[in-house]
Amino acid sequence: MRLAVSTLGMPGEDLTSSISIAVEGACEGLELRLHPDTGVHAGLPAEERGAVRRQIADAGLSIAALAGYVGICDQKVEDAAAIRALLADLRLAADLEAPGVRVFPRGADPLVGARRLRAVADEAAALGVRVFVETHDQMPTGAAVARLLEETGRPGVAVALWDLLHPWRNGEPPAETLAALAPHLAYVQVKDAVSATDTTPVPMGAGAVPLEEAGELLRSHGYDGWVSLEWERTWYPQVAPVAEILPGAAAWVRRFASATAA
């Protein structure tokens, strides 16, 4: 496993500061939140894209993923608009040499999402990037995301992002989540929270998310991809700075990555 940290946990920080936090926190990568506030978004001019890519690479980091906000199943948005927005994010990912873009379901109908994912699949494959569908909102479980991906029928292009919080807080045990996502799993977001009903972030191991169980399952599965600490300080400004949380995340990754490597 390789540790990344999401810039979602760094409100108000510019790219230089975010890179410093990641390096000092023993990360190998950054998960870049796509938003005008972060300075990284699909409207970024070509020369600025190159500057972002070089600055991160010069620090010895990789871009683990772009955290986009397209709702792939959102029926309040027309197909053409959703597809256009996702393609713009995927082209940005290719320019930044990121492996792919995170999307949310934002709806419960897998047929809608599958139709849109198939529409971008050929260009995504040609660009060498993937769509990471997160276990989130109306599709919070592994079972739900797996149904969407199976309906899409483009393995390796549309893949699963397992956010460890959401399936568990919606009643799906980690073993069931992994069983559903195993053929599709390409990215993991890790976090801890007070409880299934109070998602206020807390340091790793201080909350109720079954992190040890999930780590053992990932080790047994042989997962060796990115694990991103998603410390949601943007939404919970009262919590500690992400730099104080990264040591716990790094220790969690080391514990289970070392066992995997063995």
C-alpha atoms as a PDB file:
ATOM      1  CA  MET A   1       0.000   0.000   0.000  1.00  0.00           C
ATOM      2  CA  ARG A   2       1.047   3.580  -0.677  1.00  0.00           C
ATOM      3  CA  LEU A   3      -0.124   6.456   1.510  1.00  0.00           C
ATOM      4  CA  ALA A   4      -1.600   9.623   0.048  1.00  0.00           C
ATOM      5  CA  VAL A   5      -3.377  12.507   1.739  1.00  0.00           C
ATOM      6  CA  SER A   6      -6.362  14.382   0.368  1.00  0.00           C
ATOM      7  CA  THR A   7      -6.191  18.144   0.054  1.00  0.00           C
ATOM      8  CA  LEU A   8      -9.756  18.104   1.411  1.00  0.00           C
ATOM      9  CA  GLY A   9      -8.046  18.152   4.792  1.00  0.00           C
ATOM     10  CA  MET A  10      -6.062  21.298   4.020  1.00  0.00           C
ATOM     11  CA  PRO A  11      -8.535  24.178   3.648  1.00  0.00           C
ATOM     12  CA  GLY A  12      -6.819  27.446   2.810  1.00  0.00           C
ATOM     13  CA  GLU A  13      -3.487  25.819   1.967  1.00  0.00           C
ATOM     14  CA  ASP A  14      -1.894  26.434  -1.413  1.00  0.00           C
ATOM     15  CA  LEU A  15      -0.237  23.676  -3.409  1.00  0.00           C
ATOM     16  CA  THR A  16       3.202  24.401  -1.967  1.00  0.00           C
ATOM     17  CA  SER A  17       1.924  24.035   1.596  1.00  0.00           C
ATOM     18  CA  SER A  18      -0.062  20.907   0.713  1.00  0.00           C
ATOM     19  CA  ILE A  19       3.037  19.314  -0.751  1.00  0.00           C
ATOM     20  CA  SER A  20       5.042  20.138   2.378  1.00  0.00           C
ATOM     21  CA  ILE A  21       2.376  18.597   4.609  1.00  0.00           C
ATOM     22  CA  ALA A  22       2.360  15.436   2.496  1.00  0.00           C
ATOM     23  CA  VAL A  23       6.150  15.093   2.454  1.00  0.00           C
ATOM     24  CA  GLU A  24       6.519  15.754   6.176  1.00  0.00           C
ATOM     25  CA  GLY A  25       3.736  13.241   6.846  1.00  0.00           C
ATOM     26  CA  ALA A  26       5.627  10.411   5.098  1.00  0.00           C
ATOM     27  CA  CYS A  27       3.172  10.302   2.200  1.00  0.00           C
ATOM     28  CA  GLU A  28       4.033   9.131  -1.283  1.00  0.00           C
ATOM     29  CA  GLY A  29       1.172  10.945  -2.938  1.00  0.00           C
ATOM     30  CA  LEU A  30      -1.463  13.653  -2.945  1.00  0.00           C
ATOM     31  CA  GLU A  31      -5.153  13.224  -3.693  1.00  0.00           C
ATOM     32  CA  LEU A  32      -6.082  16.553  -5.269  1.00  0.00           C
ATOM     33  CA  ARG A  33      -9.569  17.908  -4.618  1.00  0.00           C
ATOM     34  CA  LEU A  34     -10.892  19.495  -7.798  1.00  0.00           C
ATOM     35  CA  HIS A  35     -12.251  22.884  -6.834  1.00  0.00           C
ATOM     36  CA  PRO A  36     -11.455  26.515  -7.639  1.00  0.00           C
ATOM     37  CA  ASP A  37     -10.452  27.014  -3.992  1.00  0.00           C
ATOM     38  CA  THR A  38      -7.616  24.507  -4.363  1.00  0.00           C
ATOM     39  CA  GLY A  39      -6.299  25.923  -7.628  1.00  0.00           C
ATOM     40  CA  VAL A  40      -6.703  22.566  -9.389  1.00  0.00           C
ATOM     41  CA  HIS A  41      -9.762  22.119 -11.599  1.00  0.00           C
ATOM     42  CA  ALA A  42     -10.787  21.333 -15.164  1.00  0.00           C
ATOM     43  CA  GLY A  43     -10.540  24.995 -16.177  1.00  0.00           C
ATOM     44  CA  LEU A  44      -6.801  25.113 -15.463  1.00  0.00           C
ATOM     45  CA  PRO A  45      -4.826  26.333 -18.526  1.00  0.00           C
ATOM     46  CA  ALA A  46      -2.323  23.959 -20.119  1.00  0.00           C
ATOM     47  CA  GLU A  47       0.771  25.776 -18.839  1.00  0.00           C
ATOM     48  CA  GLU A  48      -0.557  25.737 -15.282  1.00  0.00           C
ATOM     49  CA  ARG A  49      -1.302  22.024 -15.546  1.00  0.00           C
ATOM     50  CA  GLY A  50       2.326  21.429 -16.414  1.00  0.00           C
ATOM     51  CA  ALA A  51       3.454  23.557 -13.486  1.00  0.00           C
ATOM     52  CA  VAL A  52       1.281  21.597 -11.043  1.00  0.00           C
ATOM     53  CA  ARG A  53       2.564  18.281 -12.372  1.00  0.00           C
ATOM     54  CA  ARG A  54       6.198  19.340 -12.162  1.00  0.00           C
ATOM     55  CA  GLN A  55       5.904  20.855  -8.688  1.00  0.00           C
ATOM     56  CA  ILE A  56       4.454  17.653  -7.262  1.00  0.00           C
ATOM     57  CA  ALA A  57       6.931  15.426  -9.068  1.00  0.00           C
ATOM     58  CA  ASP A  58       9.893  17.584  -8.027  1.00  0.00           C
ATOM     59  CA  ALA A  59       8.875  16.992  -4.398  1.00  0.00           C
ATOM     60  CA  GLY A  60       9.105  13.233  -4.959  1.00  0.00           C
ATOM     61  CA  LEU A  61       5.332  12.759  -4.812  1.00  0.00           C
ATOM     62  CA  SER A  62       2.796  11.228  -7.171  1.00  0.00           C
ATOM     63  CA  ILE A  63      -0.774  12.309  -7.728  1.00  0.00           C
ATOM     64  CA  ALA A  64      -2.790   9.409  -6.348  1.00  0.00           C
ATOM     65  CA  ALA A  65      -6.113  10.585  -7.798  1.00  0.00           C
ATOM     66  CA  LEU A  66      -8.175  13.634  -8.613  1.00  0.00           C
ATOM     67  CA  ALA A  67     -11.174  13.943  -6.304  1.00  0.00           C
ATOM     68  CA  GLY A  68     -13.889  15.129  -8.649  1.00  0.00           C
ATOM     69  CA  TYR A  69     -17.534  15.852  -7.940  1.00  0.00           C
ATOM     70  CA  VAL A  70     -19.399  14.534 -10.965  1.00  0.00           C
ATOM     71  CA  GLY A  71     -22.542  12.643  -9.931  1.00  0.00           C
ATOM     72  CA  ILE A  72     -22.459   9.747 -12.325  1.00  0.00           C
ATOM     73  CA  CYS A  73     -26.046   8.658 -11.556  1.00  0.00           C
ATOM     74  CA  ASP A  74     -27.471  12.127 -10.927  1.00  0.00           C
ATOM     75  CA  GLN A  75     -30.718  12.321 -12.879  1.00  0.00           C
ATOM     76  CA  LYS A  76     -31.079  16.049 -12.164  1.00  0.00           C
ATOM     77  CA  VAL A  77     -28.230  16.536 -14.641  1.00  0.00           C
ATOM     78  CA  GLU A  78     -28.616  15.631 -18.310  1.00  0.00           C
ATOM     79  CA  ASP A  79     -26.431  12.890 -19.719  1.00  0.00           C
ATOM     80  CA  ALA A  80     -24.579  15.247 -22.033  1.00  0.00           C
ATOM     81  CA  ALA A  81     -23.638  17.614 -19.211  1.00  0.00           C
ATOM     82  CA  ALA A  82     -22.489  14.821 -16.889  1.00  0.00           C
ATOM     83  CA  ILE A  83     -20.444  13.192 -19.636  1.00  0.00           C
ATOM     84  CA  ARG A  84     -18.897  16.509 -20.669  1.00  0.00           C
ATOM     85  CA  ALA A  85     -17.883  17.316 -17.073  1.00  0.00           C
ATOM     86  CA  LEU A  86     -16.393  13.877 -16.491  1.00  0.00           C
ATOM     87  CA  LEU A  87     -14.428  13.965 -19.741  1.00  0.00           C
ATOM     88  CA  ALA A  88     -12.997  17.348 -18.763  1.00  0.00           C
ATOM     89  CA  ASP A  89     -11.827  15.904 -15.442  1.00  0.00           C
ATOM     90  CA  LEU A  90     -10.374  12.816 -17.137  1.00  0.00           C
ATOM     91  CA  ARG A  91      -8.403  14.979 -19.580  1.00  0.00           C
ATOM     92  CA  LEU A  92      -7.065  16.966 -16.644  1.00  0.00           C
ATOM     93  CA  ALA A  93      -6.021  13.698 -14.986  1.00  0.00           C
ATOM     94  CA  ALA A  94      -4.125  12.672 -18.098  1.00  0.00           C
ATOM     95  CA  ASP A  95      -2.377  16.051 -18.284  1.00  0.00           C
ATOM     96  CA  LEU A  96      -1.386  15.815 -14.616  1.00  0.00           C
ATOM     97  CA  GLU A  97      -0.317  12.155 -14.994  1.00  0.00           C
ATOM     98  CA  ALA A  98      -2.844  11.118 -12.364  1.00  0.00           C
ATOM     99  CA  PRO A  99      -4.235   7.574 -12.592  1.00  0.00           C
ATOM    100  CA  GLY A 100      -7.867   8.655 -12.541  1.00  0.00           C
ATOM    101  CA  VAL A 101     -10.774  10.700 -11.238  1.00  0.00           C
ATOM    102  CA  ARG A 102     -13.093  10.046  -8.299  1.00  0.00           C
ATOM    103  CA  VAL A 103     -16.833  10.380  -8.956  1.00  0.00           C
ATOM    104  CA  PHE A 104     -19.864  10.156  -6.681  1.00  0.00           C
ATOM    105  CA  PRO A 105     -23.015   8.192  -7.523  1.00  0.00           C
ATOM    106  CA  ARG A 106     -25.474  10.990  -6.547  1.00  0.00           C
ATOM    107  CA  GLY A 107     -28.303   8.674  -7.530  1.00  0.00           C
ATOM    108  CA  ALA A 108     -29.536   5.121  -7.053  1.00  0.00           C
ATOM    109  CA  ASP A 109     -30.151   3.904 -10.605  1.00  0.00           C
ATOM    110  CA  PRO A 110     -27.163   1.898 -11.879  1.00  0.00           C
ATOM    111  CA  LEU A 111     -28.481   2.040 -15.445  1.00  0.00           C
ATOM    112  CA  VAL A 112     -27.995   5.816 -15.522  1.00  0.00           C
ATOM    113  CA  GLY A 113     -24.430   5.639 -14.246  1.00  0.00           C
ATOM    114  CA  ALA A 114     -23.519   2.691 -16.438  1.00  0.00           C
ATOM    115  CA  ARG A 115     -24.736   4.512 -19.547  1.00  0.00           C
ATOM    116  CA  ARG A 116     -22.562   7.524 -18.739  1.00  0.00           C
ATOM    117  CA  LEU A 117     -19.532   5.472 -17.789  1.00  0.00           C
ATOM    118  CA  ARG A 118     -19.723   3.550 -21.054  1.00  0.00           C
ATOM    119  CA  ALA A 119     -19.886   6.871 -22.891  1.00  0.00           C
ATOM    120  CA  VAL A 120     -16.496   7.981 -21.497  1.00  0.00           C
ATOM    121  CA  ALA A 121     -14.822   4.576 -21.366  1.00  0.00           C
ATOM    122  CA  ASP A 122     -13.120   4.597 -24.757  1.00  0.00           C
ATOM    123  CA  GLU A 123     -11.583   8.044 -24.284  1.00  0.00           C
ATOM    124  CA  ALA A 124     -10.568   7.216 -20.700  1.00  0.00           C
ATOM    125  CA  ALA A 125      -8.820   4.066 -21.913  1.00  0.00           C
ATOM    126  CA  ALA A 126      -7.067   5.991 -24.691  1.00  0.00           C
ATOM    127  CA  LEU A 127      -5.904   8.591 -22.148  1.00  0.00           C
ATOM    128  CA  GLY A 128      -4.731   5.878 -19.767  1.00  0.00           C
ATOM    129  CA  VAL A 129      -6.916   7.027 -16.880  1.00  0.00           C
ATOM    130  CA  ARG A 130      -9.750   5.482 -14.895  1.00  0.00           C
ATOM    131  CA  VAL A 131     -12.978   6.469 -13.189  1.00  0.00           C
ATOM    132  CA  PHE A 132     -13.022   5.677  -9.458  1.00  0.00           C
ATOM    133  CA  VAL A 133     -16.635   5.242  -8.300  1.00  0.00           C
ATOM    134  CA  GLU A 134     -16.802   5.913  -4.555  1.00  0.00           C
ATOM    135  CA  THR A 135     -18.987   4.060  -2.069  1.00  0.00           C
ATOM    136  CA  HIS A 136     -20.974   7.172  -1.186  1.00  0.00           C
ATOM    137  CA  ASP A 137     -24.390   8.891  -0.930  1.00  0.00           C
ATOM    138  CA  GLN A 138     -27.145   6.828  -2.626  1.00  0.00           C
ATOM    139  CA  MET A 139     -24.737   3.950  -3.358  1.00  0.00           C
ATOM    140  CA  PRO A 140     -22.854   3.730  -0.063  1.00  0.00           C
ATOM    141  CA  THR A 141     -22.251  -0.022  -0.036  1.00  0.00           C
ATOM    142  CA  GLY A 142     -19.893  -2.269  -1.908  1.00  0.00           C
ATOM    143  CA  ALA A 143     -22.862  -4.220  -3.198  1.00  0.00           C
ATOM    144  CA  ALA A 144     -24.403  -1.108  -4.769  1.00  0.00           C
ATOM    145  CA  VAL A 145     -21.198   0.091  -6.438  1.00  0.00           C
ATOM    146  CA  ALA A 146     -20.433  -3.418  -7.673  1.00  0.00           C
ATOM    147  CA  ARG A 147     -23.857  -3.584  -9.344  1.00  0.00           C
ATOM    148  CA  LEU A 148     -23.129  -0.302 -11.125  1.00  0.00           C
ATOM    149  CA  LEU A 149     -19.703  -1.442 -12.306  1.00  0.00           C
ATOM    150  CA  GLU A 150     -20.974  -4.804 -13.471  1.00  0.00           C
ATOM    151  CA  GLU A 151     -23.741  -3.074 -15.419  1.00  0.00           C
ATOM    152  CA  THR A 152     -21.142  -0.804 -17.000  1.00  0.00           C
ATOM    153  CA  GLY A 153     -19.160  -3.744 -18.305  1.00  0.00           C
ATOM    154  CA  ARG A 154     -15.850  -1.895 -18.695  1.00  0.00           C
ATOM    155  CA  PRO A 155     -13.525  -3.536 -16.155  1.00  0.00           C
ATOM    156  CA  GLY A 156     -10.279  -1.693 -15.627  1.00  0.00           C
ATOM    157  CA  VAL A 157     -11.730   1.632 -16.774  1.00  0.00           C
ATOM    158  CA  ALA A 158     -14.610   2.073 -14.327  1.00  0.00           C
ATOM    159  CA  VAL A 159     -13.354   0.792 -10.975  1.00  0.00           C
ATOM    160  CA  ALA A 160     -14.231   0.945  -7.278  1.00  0.00           C
ATOM    161  CA  LEU A 161     -13.105   3.323  -4.573  1.00  0.00           C
ATOM    162  CA  TRP A 162     -13.773   1.893  -1.113  1.00  0.00           C
ATOM    163  CA  ASP A 163     -14.317   4.667   1.420  1.00  0.00           C
ATOM    164  CA  LEU A 164     -14.063   2.644   4.636  1.00  0.00           C
ATOM    165  CA  LEU A 165     -16.614   4.787   6.461  1.00  0.00           C
ATOM    166  CA  HIS A 166     -19.719   4.729   4.300  1.00  0.00           C
ATOM    167  CA  PRO A 167     -20.474   1.027   3.736  1.00  0.00           C
ATOM    168  CA  TRP A 168     -19.944   0.293   7.425  1.00  0.00           C
ATOM    169  CA  ARG A 169     -22.156   3.130   8.633  1.00  0.00           C
ATOM    170  CA  ASN A 170     -24.869   1.898   6.287  1.00  0.00           C
ATOM    171  CA  GLY A 171     -24.815  -1.574   7.805  1.00  0.00           C
ATOM    172  CA  GLU A 172     -22.516  -3.465   5.427  1.00  0.00           C
ATOM    173  CA  PRO A 173     -19.696  -5.269   7.298  1.00  0.00           C
ATOM    174  CA  PRO A 174     -16.195  -4.761   5.838  1.00  0.00           C
ATOM    175  CA  ALA A 175     -15.921  -8.413   4.792  1.00  0.00           C
ATOM    176  CA  GLU A 176     -19.078  -8.081   2.701  1.00  0.00           C
ATOM    177  CA  THR A 177     -17.865  -4.817   1.184  1.00  0.00           C
ATOM    178  CA  LEU A 178     -14.575  -6.355   0.113  1.00  0.00           C
ATOM    179  CA  ALA A 179     -16.274  -9.463  -1.226  1.00  0.00           C
ATOM    180  CA  ALA A 180     -18.469  -7.279  -3.445  1.00  0.00           C
ATOM    181  CA  LEU A 181     -15.721  -4.907  -4.574  1.00  0.00           C
ATOM    182  CA  ALA A 182     -12.815  -7.354  -4.886  1.00  0.00           C
ATOM    183  CA  PRO A 183     -12.977  -7.730  -8.701  1.00  0.00           C
ATOM    184  CA  HIS A 184     -13.111  -3.947  -9.098  1.00  0.00           C
ATOM    185  CA  LEU A 185     -11.121  -2.497  -6.182  1.00  0.00           C
ATOM    186  CA  ALA A 186      -8.534   0.084  -7.223  1.00  0.00           C
ATOM    187  CA  TYR A 187      -8.436   2.739  -4.485  1.00  0.00           C
ATOM    188  CA  VAL A 188      -9.113   3.074  -0.754  1.00  0.00           C
ATOM    189  CA  GLN A 189      -9.930   6.107   1.376  1.00  0.00           C
ATOM    190  CA  VAL A 190      -9.310   5.716   5.092  1.00  0.00           C
ATOM    191  CA  LYS A 191     -10.710   7.765   7.961  1.00  0.00           C
ATOM    192  CA  ASP A 192     -12.068   7.350  11.468  1.00  0.00           C
ATOM    193  CA  ALA A 193     -15.203   8.933  12.915  1.00  0.00           C
ATOM    194  CA  VAL A 194     -17.037   9.202  16.202  1.00  0.00           C
ATOM    195  CA  SER A 195     -19.776   6.719  15.262  1.00  0.00           C
ATOM    196  CA  ALA A 196     -22.015   5.486  12.459  1.00  0.00           C
ATOM    197  CA  THR A 197     -24.364   8.401  13.121  1.00  0.00           C
ATOM    198  CA  ASP A 198     -21.814  11.081  14.032  1.00  0.00           C
ATOM    199  CA  THR A 199     -19.244  11.296  11.236  1.00  0.00           C
ATOM    200  CA  THR A 200     -17.098  13.947  12.898  1.00  0.00           C
ATOM    201  CA  PRO A 201     -13.490  12.982  12.062  1.00  0.00           C
ATOM    202  CA  VAL A 202     -11.262  11.710  14.861  1.00  0.00           C
ATOM    203  CA  PRO A 203      -7.658  10.443  14.836  1.00  0.00           C
ATOM    204  CA  MET A 204      -7.059   6.972  13.466  1.00  0.00           C
ATOM    205  CA  GLY A 205      -8.060   4.361  16.023  1.00  0.00           C
ATOM    206  CA  ALA A 206      -9.902   6.822  18.266  1.00  0.00           C
ATOM    207  CA  GLY A 207     -13.320   6.298  16.694  1.00  0.00           C
ATOM    208  CA  ALA A 208     -15.714   3.539  15.760  1.00  0.00           C
ATOM    209  CA  VAL A 209     -14.792   2.712  12.150  1.00  0.00           C
ATOM    210  CA  PRO A 210     -13.501  -0.911  12.063  1.00  0.00           C
ATOM    211  CA  LEU A 211     -10.076   0.050  10.753  1.00  0.00           C
ATOM    212  CA  GLU A 212      -8.235  -2.993  12.076  1.00  0.00           C
ATOM    213  CA  GLU A 213     -10.711  -5.374  10.475  1.00  0.00           C
ATOM    214  CA  ALA A 214     -10.553  -3.507   7.186  1.00  0.00           C
ATOM    215  CA  GLY A 215      -6.764  -3.460   7.247  1.00  0.00           C
ATOM    216  CA  GLU A 216      -6.582  -7.206   7.845  1.00  0.00           C
ATOM    217  CA  LEU A 217      -9.018  -7.803   5.001  1.00  0.00           C
ATOM    218  CA  LEU A 218      -6.986  -5.654   2.626  1.00  0.00           C
ATOM    219  CA  ARG A 219      -3.793  -7.437   3.682  1.00  0.00           C
ATOM    220  CA  SER A 220      -5.354 -10.845   3.115  1.00  0.00           C
ATOM    221  CA  HIS A 221      -6.686  -9.704  -0.249  1.00  0.00           C
ATOM    222  CA  GLY A 222      -3.197  -8.571  -1.258  1.00  0.00           C
ATOM    223  CA  TYR A 223      -4.262  -5.005  -1.914  1.00  0.00           C
ATOM    224  CA  ASP A 224      -1.205  -2.933  -2.837  1.00  0.00           C
ATOM    225  CA  GLY A 225      -2.707   0.265  -4.246  1.00  0.00           C
ATOM    226  CA  TRP A 226      -3.208   3.760  -2.900  1.00  0.00           C
ATOM    227  CA  VAL A 227      -4.672   4.431   0.528  1.00  0.00           C
ATOM    228  CA  SER A 228      -5.671   8.067   0.930  1.00  0.00           C
ATOM    229  CA  LEU A 229      -6.268   9.710   4.284  1.00  0.00           C
ATOM    230  CA  GLU A 230      -9.451  11.720   3.811  1.00  0.00           C
ATOM    231  CA  TRP A 231      -9.408  14.090   6.771  1.00  0.00           C
ATOM    232  CA  GLU A 232     -12.459  16.248   6.096  1.00  0.00           C
ATOM    233  CA  ARG A 233     -11.356  19.463   7.761  1.00  0.00           C
ATOM    234  CA  THR A 234     -12.942  21.453   4.934  1.00  0.00           C
ATOM    235  CA  TRP A 235     -16.332  20.345   6.288  1.00  0.00           C
ATOM    236  CA  TYR A 236     -15.318  20.112   9.968  1.00  0.00           C
ATOM    237  CA  PRO A 237     -13.096  23.169  10.571  1.00  0.00           C
ATOM    238  CA  GLN A 238     -13.026  22.539  14.326  1.00  0.00           C
ATOM    239  CA  VAL A 239     -10.920  19.373  14.039  1.00  0.00           C
ATOM    240  CA  ALA A 240      -7.122  19.218  14.326  1.00  0.00           C
ATOM    241  CA  PRO A 241      -4.860  19.993  11.349  1.00  0.00           C
ATOM    242  CA  VAL A 242      -4.252  17.010   9.093  1.00  0.00           C
ATOM    243  CA  ALA A 243      -0.524  17.065   9.933  1.00  0.00           C
ATOM    244  CA  GLU A 244      -1.426  15.843  13.420  1.00  0.00           C
ATOM    245  CA  ILE A 245      -3.425  12.926  11.990  1.00  0.00           C
ATOM    246  CA  LEU A 246      -1.003  11.731   9.329  1.00  0.00           C
ATOM    247  CA  PRO A 247       1.331   9.813  11.679  1.00  0.00           C
ATOM    248  CA  GLY A 248      -1.527   7.528  12.676  1.00  0.00           C
ATOM    249  CA  ALA A 249      -2.486   6.952   9.056  1.00  0.00           C
ATOM    250  CA  ALA A 250       1.120   6.246   8.105  1.00  0.00           C
ATOM    251  CA  ALA A 251       1.413   3.716  10.932  1.00  0.00           C
ATOM    252  CA  TRP A 252      -1.807   2.004   9.794  1.00  0.00           C
ATOM    253  CA  VAL A 253      -0.546   1.705   6.227  1.00  0.00           C
ATOM    254  CA  ARG A 254       2.879   0.453   7.324  1.00  0.00           C
ATOM    255  CA  ARG A 255       1.351  -2.199   9.544  1.00  0.00           C
ATOM    256  CA  PHE A 256      -0.786  -3.734   6.835  1.00  0.00           C
ATOM    257  CA  ALA A 257       1.448  -2.948   3.839  1.00  0.00           C
ATOM    258  CA  SER A 258       4.419  -4.681   5.417  1.00  0.00           C
ATOM    259  CA  ALA A 259       2.358  -7.805   5.955  1.00  0.00           C
ATOM    260  CA  THR A 260       1.172  -7.663   2.351  1.00  0.00           C
ATOM    261  CA  ALA A 261       4.689  -7.281   1.036  1.00  0.00           C
ATOM    262  CA  ALA A 262       5.840 -10.269   3.043  1.00  0.00           C
END
